[in-house]
Amino acid sequence: MGLQDKLNRMKESTKAKVPQEALEIIHRATEDLKNSGILNRVVKVGQKAPDFTLTNTENHAVNLYTLLTESPVLLVWYRGKW
């Protein structure tokens, strides 16, 4: 089974567990973001990410380009609780 198939199954499984009211909020928020034009400003596949510095989970500043000199980097965003 490919990744897209797994993601589709996870999506369907989640839909069955999330209350309809919450799903409507999620879908409305997603549409609001799409309509805001934000997708025109995101980094596209294959583009170089801009350099940035953020605080890690141990409250230390980390810089993307500095980390890339040491090893590949995996970026993870925590969206938070709905």
N, C-alpha and C. Protein backbone atom coordinates (compact mmCIF):
# COMPACT_ATOMS: atom_id res chain seq x y z
N MET A 1 0.85 -1.18 0.00
CA MET A 1 0.00 0.00 0.00
C MET A 1 0.89 1.24 0.00
N GLY A 2 0.59 2.18 -0.88
CA GLY A 2 1.38 3.39 -1.00
C GLY A 2 1.04 4.41 0.09
N LEU A 3 1.87 5.43 0.19
CA LEU A 3 1.69 6.47 1.19
C LEU A 3 0.35 7.17 1.03
N GLN A 4 -0.03 7.52 -0.20
CA GLN A 4 -1.30 8.22 -0.40
C GLN A 4 -2.48 7.37 0.06
N ASP A 5 -2.42 6.06 -0.20
CA ASP A 5 -3.49 5.16 0.26
C ASP A 5 -3.57 5.16 1.79
N LYS A 6 -2.41 5.12 2.44
CA LYS A 6 -2.38 5.15 3.91
C LYS A 6 -2.95 6.46 4.44
N LEU A 7 -2.57 7.56 3.81
CA LEU A 7 -3.08 8.87 4.25
C LEU A 7 -4.60 8.96 4.05
N ASN A 8 -5.08 8.44 2.95
CA ASN A 8 -6.53 8.44 2.69
C ASN A 8 -7.28 7.63 3.74
N ARG A 9 -6.72 6.48 4.10
CA ARG A 9 -7.36 5.64 5.13
C ARG A 9 -7.35 6.33 6.49
N MET A 10 -6.23 6.98 6.81
CA MET A 10 -6.15 7.72 8.07
C MET A 10 -7.18 8.85 8.10
N LYS A 11 -7.32 9.54 6.98
CA LYS A 11 -8.28 10.64 6.88
C LYS A 11 -9.70 10.14 7.11
N GLU A 12 -10.05 9.05 6.46
CA GLU A 12 -11.39 8.48 6.62
C GLU A 12 -11.62 7.99 8.04
N SER A 13 -10.62 7.39 8.63
CA SER A 13 -10.73 6.92 10.02
C SER A 13 -10.94 8.09 10.97
N THR A 14 -10.22 9.16 10.74
CA THR A 14 -10.35 10.34 11.59
C THR A 14 -11.73 10.96 11.46
N LYS A 15 -12.23 11.04 10.23
CA LYS A 15 -13.56 11.60 10.01
C LYS A 15 -14.62 10.88 10.83
N ALA A 16 -14.45 9.57 10.97
CA ALA A 16 -15.43 8.78 11.71
C ALA A 16 -15.38 9.05 13.21
N LYS A 17 -14.24 9.58 13.69
CA LYS A 17 -14.07 9.79 15.13
C LYS A 17 -14.32 11.23 15.58
N VAL A 18 -14.23 12.18 14.65
CA VAL A 18 -14.35 13.60 14.99
C VAL A 18 -15.81 14.03 14.87
N PRO A 19 -16.31 14.77 15.87
CA PRO A 19 -17.70 15.24 15.80
C PRO A 19 -17.94 16.09 14.54
N GLN A 20 -19.13 15.99 13.98
CA GLN A 20 -19.46 16.72 12.74
C GLN A 20 -19.23 18.22 12.89
N GLU A 21 -19.57 18.79 14.04
CA GLU A 21 -19.39 20.22 14.26
C GLU A 21 -17.90 20.61 14.15
N ALA A 22 -17.03 19.77 14.69
CA ALA A 22 -15.59 20.04 14.60
C ALA A 22 -15.11 19.91 13.17
N LEU A 23 -15.61 18.93 12.44
CA LEU A 23 -15.22 18.77 11.03
C LEU A 23 -15.62 19.99 10.21
N GLU A 24 -16.81 20.53 10.49
CA GLU A 24 -17.26 21.72 9.77
C GLU A 24 -16.35 22.91 10.05
N ILE A 25 -15.92 23.05 11.28
CA ILE A 25 -14.99 24.14 11.64
C ILE A 25 -13.66 23.95 10.92
N ILE A 26 -13.16 22.73 10.91
CA ILE A 26 -11.90 22.43 10.24
C ILE A 26 -12.00 22.76 8.75
N HIS A 27 -13.07 22.32 8.11
CA HIS A 27 -13.23 22.56 6.67
C HIS A 27 -13.38 24.05 6.38
N ARG A 28 -14.13 24.75 7.22
CA ARG A 28 -14.32 26.19 7.03
C ARG A 28 -12.99 26.93 7.19
N ALA A 29 -12.21 26.55 8.20
CA ALA A 29 -10.91 27.18 8.43
C ALA A 29 -9.96 26.90 7.26
N THR A 30 -10.00 25.69 6.74
CA THR A 30 -9.16 25.34 5.60
C THR A 30 -9.54 26.16 4.37
N GLU A 31 -10.82 26.31 4.11
CA GLU A 31 -11.27 27.11 2.98
C GLU A 31 -10.91 28.59 3.17
N ASP A 32 -11.03 29.09 4.39
CA ASP A 32 -10.65 30.48 4.67
C ASP A 32 -9.17 30.70 4.36
N LEU A 33 -8.33 29.73 4.75
CA LEU A 33 -6.90 29.85 4.45
C LEU A 33 -6.65 29.83 2.94
N LYS A 34 -7.29 28.91 2.24
CA LYS A 34 -7.12 28.84 0.78
C LYS A 34 -7.54 30.15 0.13
N ASN A 35 -8.67 30.71 0.56
CA ASN A 35 -9.20 31.94 -0.02
C ASN A 35 -8.39 33.18 0.37
N SER A 36 -7.55 33.07 1.38
CA SER A 36 -6.75 34.21 1.83
C SER A 36 -5.59 34.53 0.89
N GLY A 37 -5.25 33.59 0.01
CA GLY A 37 -4.12 33.78 -0.89
C GLY A 37 -2.81 33.29 -0.29
N ILE A 38 -2.86 32.67 0.87
CA ILE A 38 -1.64 32.22 1.55
C ILE A 38 -0.86 31.20 0.71
N LEU A 39 -1.58 30.41 -0.10
CA LEU A 39 -0.90 29.39 -0.90
C LEU A 39 0.01 30.01 -1.96
N ASN A 40 -0.23 31.26 -2.31
CA ASN A 40 0.62 31.94 -3.28
C ASN A 40 1.96 32.35 -2.67
N ARG A 41 2.06 32.30 -1.34
CA ARG A 41 3.26 32.77 -0.65
C ARG A 41 4.06 31.64 0.02
N VAL A 42 3.62 30.40 -0.13
CA VAL A 42 4.32 29.29 0.53
C VAL A 42 5.50 28.81 -0.33
N VAL A 43 6.46 28.18 0.32
CA VAL A 43 7.58 27.58 -0.38
C VAL A 43 7.06 26.37 -1.14
N LYS A 44 7.39 26.29 -2.41
CA LYS A 44 6.94 25.20 -3.26
C LYS A 44 7.95 24.05 -3.22
N VAL A 45 7.48 22.87 -3.60
CA VAL A 45 8.35 21.70 -3.66
C VAL A 45 9.53 22.01 -4.57
N GLY A 46 10.72 21.74 -4.07
CA GLY A 46 11.93 21.96 -4.84
C GLY A 46 12.58 23.31 -4.61
N GLN A 47 11.84 24.25 -4.01
CA GLN A 47 12.42 25.56 -3.72
C GLN A 47 13.27 25.48 -2.45
N LYS A 48 14.25 26.36 -2.38
CA LYS A 48 15.09 26.46 -1.18
C LYS A 48 14.29 27.16 -0.08
N ALA A 49 14.28 26.57 1.09
CA ALA A 49 13.59 27.19 2.23
C ALA A 49 14.35 28.43 2.68
N PRO A 50 13.64 29.46 3.11
CA PRO A 50 14.33 30.63 3.63
C PRO A 50 14.98 30.30 4.97
N ASP A 51 16.06 30.99 5.27
CA ASP A 51 16.73 30.78 6.56
C ASP A 51 15.87 31.36 7.67
N PHE A 52 15.88 30.71 8.82
CA PHE A 52 15.16 31.24 9.99
C PHE A 52 15.78 30.68 11.25
N THR A 53 15.50 31.34 12.34
CA THR A 53 15.95 30.89 13.66
C THR A 53 14.71 30.79 14.54
N LEU A 54 14.57 29.66 15.21
CA LEU A 54 13.46 29.42 16.13
C LEU A 54 13.98 28.81 17.41
N THR A 55 13.14 28.80 18.42
CA THR A 55 13.49 28.18 19.69
C THR A 55 13.03 26.73 19.66
N ASN A 56 13.94 25.82 20.06
CA ASN A 56 13.57 24.40 20.07
C ASN A 56 12.85 24.03 21.36
N THR A 57 12.58 22.76 21.54
CA THR A 57 11.83 22.30 22.72
C THR A 57 12.61 22.46 24.02
N GLU A 58 13.91 22.69 23.91
CA GLU A 58 14.73 22.91 25.10
C GLU A 58 15.04 24.39 25.30
N ASN A 59 14.29 25.24 24.60
CA ASN A 59 14.40 26.69 24.71
C ASN A 59 15.74 27.24 24.21
N HIS A 60 16.36 26.55 23.26
CA HIS A 60 17.60 27.01 22.64
C HIS A 60 17.30 27.50 21.22
N ALA A 61 17.91 28.60 20.81
CA ALA A 61 17.74 29.10 19.45
C ALA A 61 18.47 28.17 18.49
N VAL A 62 17.78 27.78 17.41
CA VAL A 62 18.38 26.95 16.38
C VAL A 62 18.14 27.62 15.03
N ASN A 63 19.16 27.56 14.18
CA ASN A 63 19.12 28.21 12.88
C ASN A 63 19.12 27.15 11.79
N LEU A 64 18.20 27.28 10.84
CA LEU A 64 18.07 26.27 9.79
C LEU A 64 19.36 26.07 9.02
N TYR A 65 19.93 27.14 8.50
CA TYR A 65 21.12 26.98 7.66
C TYR A 65 22.31 26.44 8.44
N THR A 66 22.41 26.77 9.72
CA THR A 66 23.48 26.21 10.55
C THR A 66 23.29 24.70 10.71
N LEU A 67 22.07 24.29 10.98
CA LEU A 67 21.78 22.86 11.12
C LEU A 67 22.08 22.10 9.83
N LEU A 68 21.78 22.75 8.69
CA LEU A 68 22.01 22.08 7.40
C LEU A 68 23.48 21.85 7.10
N THR A 69 24.36 22.58 7.75
CA THR A 69 25.79 22.33 7.54
C THR A 69 26.23 21.07 8.27
N GLU A 70 25.41 20.61 9.23
CA GLU A 70 25.75 19.44 10.04
C GLU A 70 25.09 18.16 9.56
N SER A 71 23.85 18.29 9.05
CA SER A 71 23.09 17.11 8.63
C SER A 71 21.80 17.55 7.95
N PRO A 72 21.08 16.61 7.33
CA PRO A 72 19.75 16.95 6.80
C PRO A 72 18.83 17.37 7.95
N VAL A 73 17.79 18.13 7.62
CA VAL A 73 16.88 18.66 8.64
C VAL A 73 15.45 18.24 8.31
N LEU A 74 14.73 17.81 9.32
CA LEU A 74 13.31 17.51 9.19
C LEU A 74 12.56 18.60 9.95
N LEU A 75 11.68 19.32 9.26
CA LEU A 75 10.89 20.36 9.90
C LEU A 75 9.52 19.80 10.25
N VAL A 76 9.08 20.02 11.47
CA VAL A 76 7.79 19.55 11.94
C VAL A 76 7.05 20.71 12.58
N TRP A 77 5.82 20.96 12.14
CA TRP A 77 5.00 21.99 12.75
C TRP A 77 3.92 21.32 13.59
N TYR A 78 3.74 21.82 14.78
CA TYR A 78 2.67 21.34 15.65
C TYR A 78 1.49 22.29 15.46
N ARG A 79 0.45 21.80 14.88
CA ARG A 79 -0.69 22.66 14.58
C ARG A 79 -1.47 23.01 15.84
N GLY A 80 -1.43 22.17 16.83
CA GLY A 80 -2.16 22.44 18.06
C GLY A 80 -3.49 21.70 18.09
N LYS A 81 -4.20 21.91 19.16
CA LYS A 81 -5.48 21.23 19.35
C LYS A 81 -6.62 22.07 18.77
N TRP A 82 -7.55 21.43 18.12
CA TRP A 82 -8.68 22.16 17.56
C TRP A 82 -9.57 22.54 18.67
